[in-house]
Protein backbone atom coordinates (compact mmCIF):
# COMPACT_ATOMS: atom_id res chain seq x y z
CA UNK A 1 2.34 59.97 83.33
CA UNK A 2 3.99 58.48 80.28
CA UNK A 3 7.72 58.03 79.88
CA UNK A 4 7.94 59.75 76.50
CA UNK A 5 11.14 60.23 74.53
CA UNK A 6 11.31 62.15 71.29
CA UNK A 7 13.53 61.57 68.30
CA UNK A 8 14.46 64.68 66.37
CA UNK A 9 15.88 65.47 62.98
CA UNK A 10 19.06 67.50 62.46
CA UNK A 11 17.14 70.76 62.89
CA UNK A 12 15.72 69.69 66.26
CA UNK A 13 12.21 69.12 64.94
CA UNK A 14 10.45 66.21 66.63
CA UNK A 15 9.94 63.37 64.19
CA UNK A 16 9.09 60.32 66.32
CA UNK A 17 7.96 59.31 69.78
CA UNK A 18 9.38 56.44 71.80
CA UNK A 19 7.25 54.85 74.54
CA UNK A 20 7.78 51.80 76.69
CA UNK A 21 5.76 48.87 75.28
CA UNK A 22 3.49 48.72 78.33
CA UNK A 23 2.50 52.37 77.95
CA UNK A 24 1.99 51.92 74.21
CA UNK A 25 -0.33 48.97 74.88
CA UNK A 26 -2.28 51.04 77.42
CA UNK A 27 -2.75 53.82 74.85
CA UNK A 28 -3.98 51.33 72.25
CA UNK A 29 -6.48 49.94 74.75
CA UNK A 30 -7.75 53.44 75.55
CA UNK A 31 -8.15 54.17 71.84
CA UNK A 32 -10.13 50.95 71.34
CA UNK A 33 -12.38 51.86 74.28
CA UNK A 34 -13.02 55.33 72.85
CA UNK A 35 -13.78 53.87 69.42
CA UNK A 36 -16.35 51.54 70.99
CA UNK A 37 -17.99 54.48 72.78
CA UNK A 38 -18.23 56.48 69.54
CA UNK A 39 -19.59 53.50 67.59
CA UNK A 40 -22.30 52.89 70.20
CA UNK A 41 -23.31 56.50 70.86
CA UNK A 42 -26.57 56.12 68.92
CA UNK A 43 -27.52 52.74 70.40
CA UNK A 44 -30.83 52.48 72.19
CA UNK A 45 -30.48 52.54 75.95
CA UNK A 46 -32.22 50.15 78.32
CA UNK A 47 -33.31 51.31 81.75
CA UNK A 48 -31.55 49.65 84.67
CA UNK A 49 -34.85 48.37 86.03
CA UNK A 50 -35.59 46.66 82.70
CA UNK A 51 -32.17 44.99 82.62
CA UNK A 52 -32.66 43.86 86.20
CA UNK A 53 -36.06 42.42 85.35
CA UNK A 54 -34.68 40.58 82.32
CA UNK A 55 -31.72 39.14 84.22
CA UNK A 56 -33.82 38.02 87.16
CA UNK A 57 -36.82 36.64 85.27
CA UNK A 58 -37.48 32.90 85.28
CA UNK A 59 -38.19 32.83 81.55
């Protein structure tokens, strides 16, 4: 899990989150992956057999 630290204001309300850089980078990468999935959700799909045929054809 993440090593999360919270910064609070004088009333104790959480105002900020502190993460180690490595964990922050991992979160950014996950967000980018999820954005790509959402952007491509309506793309046409190609059957595995068709991809295999295209990759292995001598054309």
